[in-house]
Protein backbone atom coordinates (compact mmCIF):
# COMPACT_ATOMS: atom_id res chain seq x y z
CA UNK A 1 177.99 -8.16 -32.53
CA UNK A 2 174.32 -8.16 -33.53
CA UNK A 3 173.54 -9.12 -37.11
CA UNK A 4 170.97 -7.03 -39.01
CA UNK A 5 169.36 -9.15 -41.71
CA UNK A 6 168.53 -8.03 -45.24
CA UNK A 7 165.23 -8.92 -46.91
CA UNK A 8 167.04 -11.67 -48.80
CA UNK A 9 168.29 -13.14 -45.53
CA UNK A 10 164.84 -12.89 -43.95
CA UNK A 11 163.42 -14.80 -46.92
CA UNK A 12 165.95 -17.57 -46.29
CA UNK A 13 165.05 -17.65 -42.60
CA UNK A 14 161.34 -17.92 -43.43
CA UNK A 15 162.10 -20.99 -45.52
CA UNK A 16 164.14 -22.56 -42.72
CA UNK A 17 161.34 -21.70 -40.30
CA UNK A 18 158.80 -23.39 -42.55
CA UNK A 19 160.80 -26.63 -42.43
CA UNK A 20 160.80 -26.47 -38.62
CA UNK A 21 157.04 -26.00 -38.51
CA UNK A 22 156.38 -28.79 -41.01
CA UNK A 23 158.24 -31.08 -38.60
CA UNK A 24 156.22 -29.74 -35.65
CA UNK A 25 152.97 -30.30 -37.53
CA UNK A 26 153.88 -33.91 -38.25
CA UNK A 27 154.89 -34.58 -34.64
CA UNK A 28 151.75 -32.96 -33.26
CA UNK A 29 149.75 -35.48 -35.31
CA UNK A 30 151.80 -38.36 -33.86
CA UNK A 31 151.97 -37.47 -30.16
CA UNK A 32 149.84 -39.95 -28.22
CA UNK A 33 150.13 -42.46 -25.39
CA UNK A 34 152.39 -45.36 -26.40
CA UNK A 35 154.68 -43.37 -28.72
CA UNK A 36 158.37 -43.15 -27.83
CA UNK A 37 160.44 -39.99 -28.03
CA UNK A 38 162.83 -41.88 -30.33
CA UNK A 39 159.97 -42.38 -32.82
CA UNK A 40 159.24 -38.65 -32.76
CA UNK A 41 162.92 -37.94 -33.39
CA UNK A 42 162.96 -40.31 -36.37
CA UNK A 43 159.94 -38.65 -37.99
CA UNK A 44 161.35 -35.15 -37.47
CA UNK A 45 164.61 -36.27 -39.07
CA UNK A 46 162.71 -37.57 -42.10
CA UNK A 47 160.79 -34.30 -42.53
CA UNK A 48 163.90 -32.13 -42.23
CA UNK A 49 165.89 -34.29 -44.65
CA UNK A 50 163.01 -34.39 -47.16
CA UNK A 51 163.14 -30.60 -47.42
CA UNK A 52 166.88 -30.51 -48.06
CA UNK A 53 167.62 -29.07 -44.63
CA UNK A 54 170.01 -30.09 -41.84
CA UNK A 55 169.06 -30.61 -38.21
CA UNK A 56 170.53 -27.78 -36.11
CA UNK A 57 170.84 -29.70 -32.84
CA UNK A 58 172.35 -33.03 -33.84
CA UNK A 59 176.02 -33.18 -32.92
CA UNK A 60 176.11 -29.96 -30.90
CA UNK A 61 178.96 -30.25 -28.33
CA UNK A 62 177.88 -30.66 -24.70
CA UNK A 63 178.68 -27.56 -22.61
CA UNK A 64 179.45 -29.82 -19.64
CA UNK A 65 181.89 -32.10 -21.43
CA UNK A 66 179.48 -34.97 -22.11
CA UNK A 67 178.43 -36.51 -25.41
CA UNK A 68 177.54 -34.41 -28.44
CA UNK A 69 173.75 -34.05 -28.66
CA UNK A 70 172.53 -37.27 -30.32
CA UNK A 71 169.02 -36.24 -31.37
CA UNK A 72 167.39 -34.18 -34.08
CA UNK A 73 164.82 -32.84 -31.60
CA UNK A 74 164.91 -32.01 -27.92
CA UNK A 75 162.13 -34.02 -26.27
CA UNK A 76 161.50 -32.91 -22.68
CA UNK A 77 158.73 -34.67 -20.72
CA UNK A 78 156.86 -33.35 -17.65
CA UNK A 79 159.49 -31.94 -15.24
CA UNK A 80 162.13 -31.80 -17.98
CA UNK A 81 162.56 -28.17 -18.99
CA UNK A 82 164.74 -28.32 -22.12
CA UNK A 83 167.36 -30.43 -23.91
CA UNK A 84 165.74 -33.80 -23.26
CA UNK A 85 167.44 -36.55 -25.29
CA UNK A 86 165.08 -38.66 -27.43
CA UNK A 87 165.12 -42.33 -26.50
CA UNK A 88 163.02 -45.30 -25.44
CA UNK A 89 160.75 -43.36 -23.09
CA UNK A 90 157.12 -44.18 -23.81
CA UNK A 91 154.65 -41.31 -23.56
CA UNK A 92 151.74 -41.85 -21.17
CA UNK A 93 148.24 -40.40 -20.91
CA UNK A 94 148.47 -37.14 -18.96
CA UNK A 95 152.11 -36.38 -19.82
CA UNK A 96 153.16 -33.11 -21.39
CA UNK A 97 156.09 -33.01 -23.80
CA UNK A 98 158.12 -30.01 -24.94
CA UNK A 99 159.54 -30.46 -28.44
CA UNK A 100 162.28 -28.10 -29.65
CA UNK A 101 163.26 -28.30 -33.33
CA UNK A 102 165.96 -26.49 -35.26
CA UNK A 103 166.77 -26.69 -38.97
CA UNK A 104 169.36 -25.11 -41.25
CA UNK A 105 168.42 -24.37 -44.85
CA UNK A 106 170.69 -22.52 -47.28
CA UNK A 107 172.93 -21.45 -44.39
CA UNK A 108 170.23 -20.01 -42.09
CA UNK A 109 168.58 -21.41 -38.97
CA UNK A 110 164.97 -21.72 -37.89
CA UNK A 111 164.18 -22.63 -34.28
CA UNK A 112 160.84 -23.23 -32.55
CA UNK A 113 159.51 -25.12 -29.52
CA UNK A 114 156.04 -26.20 -28.44
CA UNK A 115 154.65 -28.06 -25.45
CA UNK A 116 152.02 -30.66 -26.33
CA UNK A 117 149.54 -32.52 -24.13
CA UNK A 118 149.62 -36.32 -24.37
CA UNK A 119 145.99 -37.37 -24.39
CA UNK A 120 143.96 -35.78 -21.61
CA UNK A 121 146.04 -33.77 -19.16
CA UNK A 122 145.30 -32.12 -15.82
CA UNK A 123 143.82 -28.60 -15.69
CA UNK A 124 147.07 -27.34 -14.14
CA UNK A 125 149.14 -28.83 -16.98
CA UNK A 126 146.87 -27.31 -19.63
CA UNK A 127 146.99 -23.93 -17.92
CA UNK A 128 150.78 -24.11 -17.85
CA UNK A 129 150.92 -24.82 -21.59
CA UNK A 130 148.53 -21.97 -22.43
CA UNK A 131 150.20 -19.44 -20.11
CA UNK A 132 153.59 -20.25 -21.63
CA UNK A 133 152.24 -19.69 -25.15
CA UNK A 134 150.63 -16.41 -24.17
CA UNK A 135 153.83 -15.32 -22.40
CA UNK A 136 155.58 -15.72 -25.75
CA UNK A 137 152.87 -13.60 -27.40
CA UNK A 138 153.25 -10.90 -24.75
CA UNK A 139 157.02 -10.87 -25.20
CA UNK A 140 156.84 -10.80 -28.98
CA UNK A 141 154.45 -7.83 -28.87
CA UNK A 142 157.28 -5.81 -27.32
CA UNK A 143 159.74 -6.71 -30.10
CA UNK A 144 159.31 -3.40 -31.93
CA UNK A 145 161.76 -0.80 -33.15
CA UNK A 146 162.94 1.49 -30.34
CA UNK A 147 162.12 -0.90 -27.50
CA UNK A 148 164.81 -2.73 -25.57
CA UNK A 149 165.36 -6.41 -24.78
CA UNK A 150 164.24 -5.66 -21.23
CA UNK A 151 160.75 -4.77 -22.53
CA UNK A 152 160.41 -8.31 -23.88
CA UNK A 153 161.70 -9.80 -20.63
CA UNK A 154 159.34 -7.74 -18.48
CA UNK A 155 156.28 -8.69 -20.53
CA UNK A 156 157.09 -12.40 -20.25
CA UNK A 157 157.91 -12.39 -16.54
CA UNK A 158 154.94 -10.25 -15.53
CA UNK A 159 152.39 -12.44 -17.31
CA UNK A 160 153.89 -15.71 -16.04
CA UNK A 161 154.04 -14.57 -12.43
CA UNK A 162 150.54 -13.08 -12.55
CA UNK A 163 149.38 -16.60 -13.32
CA UNK A 164 151.23 -18.20 -10.42
CA UNK A 165 154.12 -19.75 -12.34
CA UNK A 166 157.85 -18.94 -12.59
CA UNK A 167 160.28 -18.28 -15.42
CA UNK A 168 163.54 -20.18 -15.72
CA UNK A 169 166.54 -17.90 -15.23
CA UNK A 170 169.45 -20.14 -16.12
CA UNK A 171 168.55 -20.32 -19.83
CA UNK A 172 167.50 -17.52 -22.16
CA UNK A 173 166.34 -16.69 -25.66
CA UNK A 174 168.85 -15.52 -28.23
CA UNK A 175 169.60 -13.93 -31.55
CA UNK A 176 169.60 -16.31 -34.50
CA UNK A 177 170.57 -16.34 -38.17
CA UNK A 178 173.64 -17.90 -39.74
CA UNK A 179 174.40 -19.25 -36.25
CA UNK A 180 171.89 -20.97 -34.02
CA UNK A 181 172.90 -18.75 -31.09
CA UNK A 182 173.80 -15.15 -31.86
CA UNK A 183 173.71 -11.94 -29.87
CA UNK A 184 171.70 -10.63 -28.09
CA UNK A 185 170.64 -12.81 -25.18
CA UNK A 186 166.95 -12.48 -24.28
CA UNK A 187 166.20 -13.28 -20.63
CA UNK A 188 162.64 -14.18 -19.66
CA UNK A 189 162.99 -12.12 -16.49
CA UNK A 190 163.96 -8.51 -15.81
CA UNK A 191 167.72 -8.34 -15.37
CA UNK A 192 169.72 -5.28 -14.26
CA UNK A 193 170.77 -4.67 -17.88
CA UNK A 194 168.21 -3.00 -20.15
CA UNK A 195 169.66 -4.73 -23.18
CA UNK A 196 170.17 -3.33 -26.65
CA UNK A 197 167.65 -1.15 -28.44
CA UNK A 198 165.77 -3.12 -31.09
CA UNK A 199 166.18 -2.34 -34.78
CA UNK A 200 164.45 -3.56 -37.92
CA UNK A 201 166.30 -6.57 -39.31
CA UNK A 202 167.13 -8.14 -35.96
CA UNK A 203 166.11 -11.80 -35.74
CA UNK A 204 165.39 -13.26 -32.32
CA UNK A 205 164.40 -16.59 -30.80
CA UNK A 206 162.03 -15.62 -28.00
CA UNK A 207 161.41 -18.65 -25.78
CA UNK A 208 159.68 -18.56 -22.40
CA UNK A 209 160.53 -21.61 -20.28
CA UNK A 210 157.93 -21.70 -17.52
CA UNK A 211 157.80 -23.87 -14.41
CA UNK A 212 154.76 -24.69 -12.30
CA UNK A 213 156.91 -24.44 -9.16
CA UNK A 214 160.32 -22.92 -8.49
CA UNK A 215 162.33 -21.33 -11.28
CA UNK A 216 165.41 -23.25 -10.16
CA UNK A 217 166.67 -26.10 -12.33
CA UNK A 218 169.26 -28.89 -12.35
CA UNK A 219 171.14 -30.66 -15.15
CA UNK A 220 171.05 -34.47 -15.19
CA UNK A 221 174.15 -36.65 -15.44
CA UNK A 222 173.74 -36.97 -19.22
CA UNK A 223 175.02 -33.38 -19.38
CA UNK A 224 171.98 -32.22 -21.36
CA UNK A 225 168.60 -32.75 -19.75
CA UNK A 226 167.52 -29.78 -17.64
CA UNK A 227 164.87 -30.55 -14.99
CA UNK A 228 162.94 -28.49 -12.46
CA UNK A 229 164.63 -28.55 -9.06
CA UNK A 230 161.37 -29.39 -7.28
CA UNK A 231 160.01 -31.92 -9.78
CA UNK A 232 157.22 -29.61 -10.95
CA UNK A 233 155.97 -29.50 -14.54
CA UNK A 234 157.63 -27.25 -17.11
CA UNK A 235 156.53 -25.88 -20.50
CA UNK A 236 158.39 -24.20 -23.37
CA UNK A 237 157.15 -22.06 -26.27
CA UNK A 238 159.51 -20.58 -28.84
CA UNK A 239 159.47 -18.95 -32.25
CA UNK A 240 162.07 -17.29 -34.43
CA UNK A 241 160.89 -13.74 -35.10
CA UNK A 242 162.05 -10.68 -37.02
CA UNK A 243 161.83 -7.09 -35.88
CA UNK A 244 160.42 -5.12 -38.83
CA UNK A 245 159.21 -1.60 -39.52
CA UNK A 246 155.66 -3.05 -39.49
CA UNK A 247 156.08 -4.79 -36.16
CA UNK A 248 157.28 -8.26 -35.18
CA UNK A 249 156.95 -11.11 -37.68
CA UNK A 250 157.07 -14.81 -36.84
CA UNK A 251 159.52 -16.54 -39.17
CA UNK A 252 158.75 -20.06 -37.93
CA UNK A 253 155.39 -20.39 -39.65
CA UNK A 254 153.73 -22.33 -42.45
CA UNK A 255 153.35 -19.93 -45.36
């Protein structure tokens, strides 16, 4: 069942989204060669706690029967697509890192991901980051009343493939609100189903996951980290948005 949010609920989600983006802003300032992903996780935890929020990801059960997720952030480097576990890995010049952050405030979730360059990166890596961000923008532009989920999916896939990259098919965007993952699912590719018709009050996490090579992925033995099957780079861009009568609104923003 798809939850339609009231203005009061949207206000709560904006506040949760602001916490997420405060954490992103702090991490963006920190990301540099020599920093570990564990350090980034520690700083994000401090920001989230300082705002009276709870980290959405920490303790989430593993879908493959492994350990509960141990981090506050997902930190996915280079060929890691999503769900990278923060640890002792040291970032190097030329790496790219996808950071996904979720926070719960007053019972509502905010969720956003960004891919950041570490120092100076290759032209291909920078193009991948920028194409992934623009793919999100193209998808969000279709999140208007009367459209269907498939319109979002088509906009994302078309733009990514026009630029020579591929969209991951094993993982999708999702509804969000009181739960981190709600209906509907939002594929980044055109599936046979058109999906539901969009209504004002729907809240969605639109999140293109874009690979430089094949769209195929594998899950590592830790049960969490998803990597590209061919070792190519991957980027991720996500925001929590609301469908409104005035058009789509990003809820993960600094107001």
